[in-house]
Protein backbone atom coordinates (compact mmCIF):
# COMPACT_ATOMS: atom_id res chain seq x y z
CA MET A 1 -86.75 13.06 86.73
CA THR A 2 -86.04 11.41 83.53
CA VAL A 3 -83.57 8.47 83.43
CA ILE A 4 -81.85 7.65 80.16
CA ARG A 5 -80.89 4.00 79.99
CA HIS A 6 -78.37 2.85 77.48
CA SER A 7 -79.09 -0.81 76.04
CA ARG A 8 -76.41 -3.41 76.89
CA LYS A 9 -75.65 -3.71 73.17
CA ARG A 10 -74.56 -0.19 72.89
CA LYS A 11 -72.58 -0.43 76.10
CA PHE A 12 -70.60 -3.45 74.57
CA HIS A 13 -70.10 -1.48 71.33
CA ASP A 14 -68.46 1.34 72.97
CA HIS A 15 -66.03 -0.97 74.83
CA ASN A 16 -65.18 -2.86 71.67
CA LYS A 17 -64.50 0.39 69.80
CA LYS A 18 -61.56 1.25 72.20
CA TYR A 19 -59.93 -2.03 71.27
CA LEU A 20 -60.38 -1.40 67.56
CA TYR A 21 -58.59 2.05 67.87
CA ILE A 22 -55.78 0.22 69.68
CA THR A 23 -55.49 -2.35 67.12
CA GLN A 24 -55.41 0.18 64.26
CA ALA A 25 -52.89 2.18 65.99
CA ALA A 26 -50.67 -0.86 66.46
CA ALA A 27 -51.20 -1.84 62.77
CA LEU A 28 -50.12 1.57 61.70
CA TRP A 29 -47.17 1.59 63.89
CA VAL A 30 -45.97 -1.77 62.58
CA THR A 31 -46.49 -0.52 58.90
CA GLY A 32 -44.64 2.55 59.53
CA MET A 33 -41.73 0.63 61.06
CA TYR A 34 -41.76 -1.67 57.95
CA CYS A 35 -41.70 1.23 55.49
CA ALA A 36 -38.89 2.95 57.45
CA THR A 37 -36.81 -0.01 57.27
CA ASN A 38 -37.32 -0.47 53.50
CA LEU A 39 -36.67 3.14 52.77
CA THR A 40 -33.29 3.10 54.63
CA SER A 41 -32.13 -0.06 52.80
CA GLN A 42 -33.29 1.03 49.34
CA PRO A 43 -30.04 2.98 48.41
CA THR A 44 -27.95 -0.28 49.10
CA ASN A 45 -30.21 -2.16 46.66
CA ALA A 46 -29.96 0.60 44.04
CA TYR A 47 -26.16 0.65 44.45
CA PHE A 48 -25.92 -3.05 43.71
CA SER A 49 -28.28 -2.78 40.81
CA ASP A 50 -26.00 -0.03 39.25
CA SER A 51 -22.96 -2.05 39.73
CA ILE A 52 -24.49 -5.03 37.89
CA GLU A 53 -25.66 -2.79 35.00
CA ASP A 54 -22.09 -1.29 34.59
CA THR A 55 -20.58 -4.80 34.71
CA MET A 56 -22.96 -5.93 32.00
CA ASP A 57 -21.93 -2.87 29.76
CA ILE A 58 -18.33 -3.70 30.14
CA GLN A 59 -18.70 -7.31 29.09
CA ALA A 60 -20.85 -6.23 26.15
CA GLY A 61 -18.22 -3.74 24.96
CA THR A 62 -15.32 -6.16 25.19
CA TRP A 63 -16.89 -9.38 24.23
CA TRP A 64 -15.69 -11.00 20.86
CA ASP A 65 -18.46 -11.38 18.49
CA GLY A 66 -16.93 -14.60 16.82
CA SER A 67 -16.37 -12.88 13.38
CA VAL A 68 -13.35 -13.92 11.43
CA LEU A 69 -12.34 -11.54 8.51
CA SER A 70 -9.94 -12.17 5.73
CA PHE A 71 -9.08 -10.86 2.18
CA VAL A 72 -10.07 -12.91 -0.86
CA LYS A 73 -7.14 -13.32 -3.28
CA ASN A 74 -7.05 -10.85 -6.25
CA GLU A 75 -7.43 -12.08 -9.66
CA GLU A 76 -5.05 -9.49 -11.03
CA SER A 77 -1.93 -8.32 -9.22
CA GLU A 78 -1.05 -5.74 -11.76
CA VAL A 79 -3.41 -3.09 -13.52
CA LYS A 80 -2.18 -1.19 -16.55
CA SER A 81 -3.83 2.28 -16.87
CA CYS A 82 -2.37 5.98 -17.15
CA GLU A 83 -5.69 7.27 -15.88
CA PRO A 84 -7.01 7.04 -12.30
CA VAL A 85 -8.72 3.74 -11.64
CA ASN A 86 -10.70 2.01 -8.82
CA LEU A 87 -8.86 -1.05 -7.35
CA PRO A 88 -11.15 -3.74 -5.89
CA PHE A 89 -10.46 -5.46 -2.59
CA THR A 90 -12.90 -8.12 -1.21
CA ILE A 91 -13.28 -9.11 2.54
CA GLN A 92 -15.16 -12.16 3.59
CA ASN A 93 -16.52 -13.11 7.17
CA SER A 94 -16.02 -16.80 7.69
CA GLY A 95 -17.20 -16.54 11.35
CA PHE A 96 -20.27 -15.11 13.08
CA THR A 97 -22.00 -11.87 12.12
CA MET A 98 -20.17 -8.80 13.19
CA ILE A 99 -21.97 -6.79 15.86
CA GLY A 100 -20.09 -3.59 15.15
CA THR A 101 -17.68 -1.78 12.82
CA THR A 102 -13.94 -1.84 12.47
CA THR A 103 -11.38 0.24 10.47
CA PHE A 104 -9.04 -0.23 7.70
CA ASP A 105 -5.94 1.73 6.18
CA VAL A 106 -4.93 1.91 2.54
CA LEU A 107 -1.05 1.74 1.95
CA PHE A 108 0.83 3.15 -0.85
CA ASN A 109 4.17 1.44 -1.77
CA GLY A 110 4.07 -0.25 1.62
CA ASN A 111 4.46 2.48 4.10
CA GLU A 112 2.48 5.65 3.13
CA ILE A 113 -1.02 5.62 4.61
CA LEU A 114 -3.42 7.28 2.16
CA THR A 115 -6.76 6.93 4.00
CA ASN A 116 -8.33 5.45 7.26
CA GLN A 117 -12.01 4.43 6.96
CA ALA A 118 -14.58 2.45 8.81
CA LEU A 119 -15.37 -1.13 7.69
CA HIS A 120 -19.07 -1.83 8.22
CA GLU A 121 -20.70 -4.96 9.52
CA ILE A 122 -20.53 -8.12 7.51
CA GLU A 123 -22.81 -10.98 8.12
CA SER A 124 -21.78 -14.70 8.61
CA ASN A 125 -20.40 -16.27 5.44
CA GLN A 126 -20.89 -13.14 3.50
CA SER A 127 -18.38 -10.72 1.86
CA GLY A 128 -17.94 -6.98 1.38
CA SER A 129 -16.19 -5.01 -1.34
CA LEU A 130 -13.83 -2.16 -0.91
CA SER A 131 -12.97 0.22 -3.69
CA VAL A 132 -9.63 2.21 -3.50
CA LEU A 133 -9.08 5.04 -6.02
CA ALA A 134 -5.45 4.88 -7.38
CA GLU A 135 -4.22 8.07 -9.01
CA LYS A 136 -0.45 7.35 -9.55
CA GLU A 137 1.79 4.47 -10.31
CA GLY A 138 2.83 2.22 -7.49
CA THR A 139 1.66 -0.57 -5.34
CA TYR A 140 -1.51 -0.50 -3.20
CA GLN A 141 -2.51 -2.60 -0.14
CA VAL A 142 -5.23 -2.67 2.42
CA VAL A 143 -4.66 -3.37 6.18
CA ALA A 144 -7.87 -3.90 8.23
CA GLU A 145 -8.54 -4.69 11.92
CA GLN A 146 -10.37 -7.63 13.30
CA ARG A 147 -13.15 -7.10 15.80
CA PRO A 148 -11.99 -6.39 19.56
CA GLY A 149 -11.17 -9.53 21.41
CA PHE A 150 -10.35 -11.64 18.28
CA ASN A 151 -9.45 -15.18 19.35
CA LYS A 152 -10.18 -14.04 22.96
CA ASP A 153 -7.15 -11.65 22.95
CA TYR A 154 -8.40 -8.47 24.53
CA GLU A 155 -5.08 -6.78 24.95
CA HIS A 156 -3.97 -6.48 21.37
CA THR A 157 -5.80 -5.53 18.08
CA ALA A 158 -5.27 -8.14 15.41
CA THR A 159 -4.95 -7.03 11.81
CA PHE A 160 -4.85 -8.70 8.40
CA THR A 161 -3.31 -7.50 5.05
CA SER A 162 -4.41 -7.86 1.54
CA GLU A 163 -2.19 -8.82 -1.50
CA ALA A 164 -0.51 -5.83 -3.31
CA ILE A 165 -1.96 -4.47 -6.46
CA THR A 166 0.48 -2.62 -8.86
CA LEU A 167 -0.68 0.20 -11.06
CA VAL A 168 1.50 0.63 -14.07
CA CYS A 169 1.23 3.22 -16.91
CA PRO A 170 2.34 1.49 -20.03
CA PRO A 171 4.58 3.69 -22.46
CA PRO A 172 3.72 4.44 -26.13
CA LYS A 173 4.39 1.82 -28.83
CA GLU A 174 7.48 3.48 -30.16
CA GLU A 175 8.96 3.59 -26.72
CA GLU A 176 8.13 0.01 -26.21
CA LYS A 177 9.90 -0.94 -29.49
CA ALA A 178 12.99 1.15 -28.62
CA LYS A 179 13.08 -0.51 -25.13
CA GLU A 180 12.74 -4.01 -26.68
CA GLU A 181 15.66 -3.17 -29.08
CA LYS A 182 17.80 -1.96 -26.12
CA ASP A 183 17.03 -5.21 -24.28
CA LYS A 184 18.11 -7.26 -27.29
CA GLU A 185 21.37 -5.38 -27.66
CA LYS A 186 22.19 -5.95 -24.04
CA GLU A 187 21.40 -9.68 -24.50
CA THR A 188 23.63 -9.98 -27.61
CA LYS A 189 26.68 -7.96 -26.25
CA PRO A 190 28.01 -10.64 -23.94
CA GLU A 191 27.93 -13.15 -26.73
CA LYS A 192 30.01 -10.91 -29.01
CA GLU A 193 32.64 -10.41 -26.21
CA THR A 194 32.90 -14.07 -25.57
CA ASN A 195 33.17 -15.08 -29.29
CA PRO A 196 35.17 -12.32 -31.11
CA VAL A 197 35.01 -12.53 -34.92
CA ASP A 198 36.96 -10.60 -37.56
CA GLU A 199 34.27 -8.30 -38.92
CA THR A 200 36.31 -6.97 -41.88
CA LYS A 201 34.60 -7.59 -45.20
CA PRO A 202 36.45 -9.52 -47.95
CA ASP A 203 36.36 -6.65 -50.37
CA GLU A 204 37.76 -4.20 -47.92
CA LYS A 205 41.62 -4.12 -47.79
CA LYS A 206 43.69 -3.02 -44.91
CA PRO A 207 46.04 -0.05 -45.13
CA ASN A 208 49.47 -0.75 -46.75
CA GLU A 209 48.33 -4.07 -48.14
CA ASP A 210 47.71 -2.85 -51.85
CA PRO A 211 50.54 -4.49 -54.00
CA THR A 212 50.39 -1.73 -56.71
CA VAL A 213 51.17 0.99 -54.21
CA GLU A 214 54.89 1.41 -52.84
CA GLU A 215 56.23 3.97 -50.79
CA PRO A 216 59.48 5.49 -51.83
CA LYS A 217 62.42 4.53 -49.85
CA PRO A 218 64.87 7.31 -48.49
CA ASP A 219 67.85 5.63 -50.43
CA ASP A 220 66.06 5.80 -53.67
CA VAL A 221 65.48 9.50 -53.19
CA LYS A 222 69.03 10.26 -52.41
CA ALA A 223 70.25 8.21 -55.32
CA GLU A 224 68.00 10.08 -57.86
CA GLU A 225 69.20 13.71 -56.78
CA PRO A 226 72.70 13.56 -58.23
CA VAL A 227 71.30 12.29 -61.50
CA THR A 228 69.22 15.33 -61.96
CA LYS A 229 72.01 17.53 -61.28
CA GLU A 230 74.24 15.86 -63.84
CA GLU A 231 71.44 16.23 -66.58
CA THR A 232 70.97 19.97 -65.87
CA VAL A 233 74.79 20.87 -65.66
CA PRO A 234 75.58 19.93 -69.32
CA ALA A 235 72.77 21.83 -70.51
CA LYS A 236 74.06 24.91 -69.03
CA GLU A 237 77.52 24.32 -70.59
CA GLU A 238 76.06 23.91 -74.10
CA ASN A 239 74.27 27.20 -73.64
CA THR A 240 77.54 28.95 -72.60
CA SER A 241 79.38 27.40 -75.55
CA LEU A 242 76.74 28.59 -77.96
CA GLU A 243 77.03 32.03 -76.58
CA GLY A 244 80.84 31.92 -76.95
CA ASP A 245 80.59 30.91 -80.61
CA GLN A 246 78.17 33.65 -81.44
CA ILE A 247 80.48 36.24 -79.96
CA GLU A 248 83.49 35.06 -82.02
CA SER A 249 81.46 35.19 -85.16
CA ASN A 250 80.52 38.71 -84.50
């Protein structure tokens, strides 16, 4: 009969192996519980993270960038041209650099909106130029918007307006002269009315003032009529007497 004997070292190795399995199983259980706890709480962490990101987006969209925009005074308030011309408007930024665009309107004669366009970013202490095409006579102005939240007012949109530029088509020279003459006549008319002067010339004579011309009076005409009758009557008598003498002689 063969007896197989195990060494004492191998016997203790098998005994320790059981404890190792138990320890590994316990470690796996603890790890699993920890992972399960983190997985169940992960949506809550993601929810708060999303909320923070949304809040940051809102603040970035409404935060005033500190820009201060204004129009530079125009050198000329009137432009004379009968053809379409580009009118210049200059905007300066005396604040911080703009981080976004804004808009501006072009007004004609104070109330009619010709166009609405975007005003691009202007850096700090820099200026930008706008060119407005004017095709007909009238006044032109530009109304632009400040950046959102200007002066920490997030409920209203602040605007600023340029000075008006007037486009005038000058008339021809002949029309200008005629207009000047009319203006002079209008200026001199009140003086003539206040200081009336007899404008008759010395050589001219008023009617019925000529001493050589006398109008016949009715009494003179009546007095002359009988005289003419008396002169004519004797002539007829002489003729009749002559005829009587001739008859007697015959």
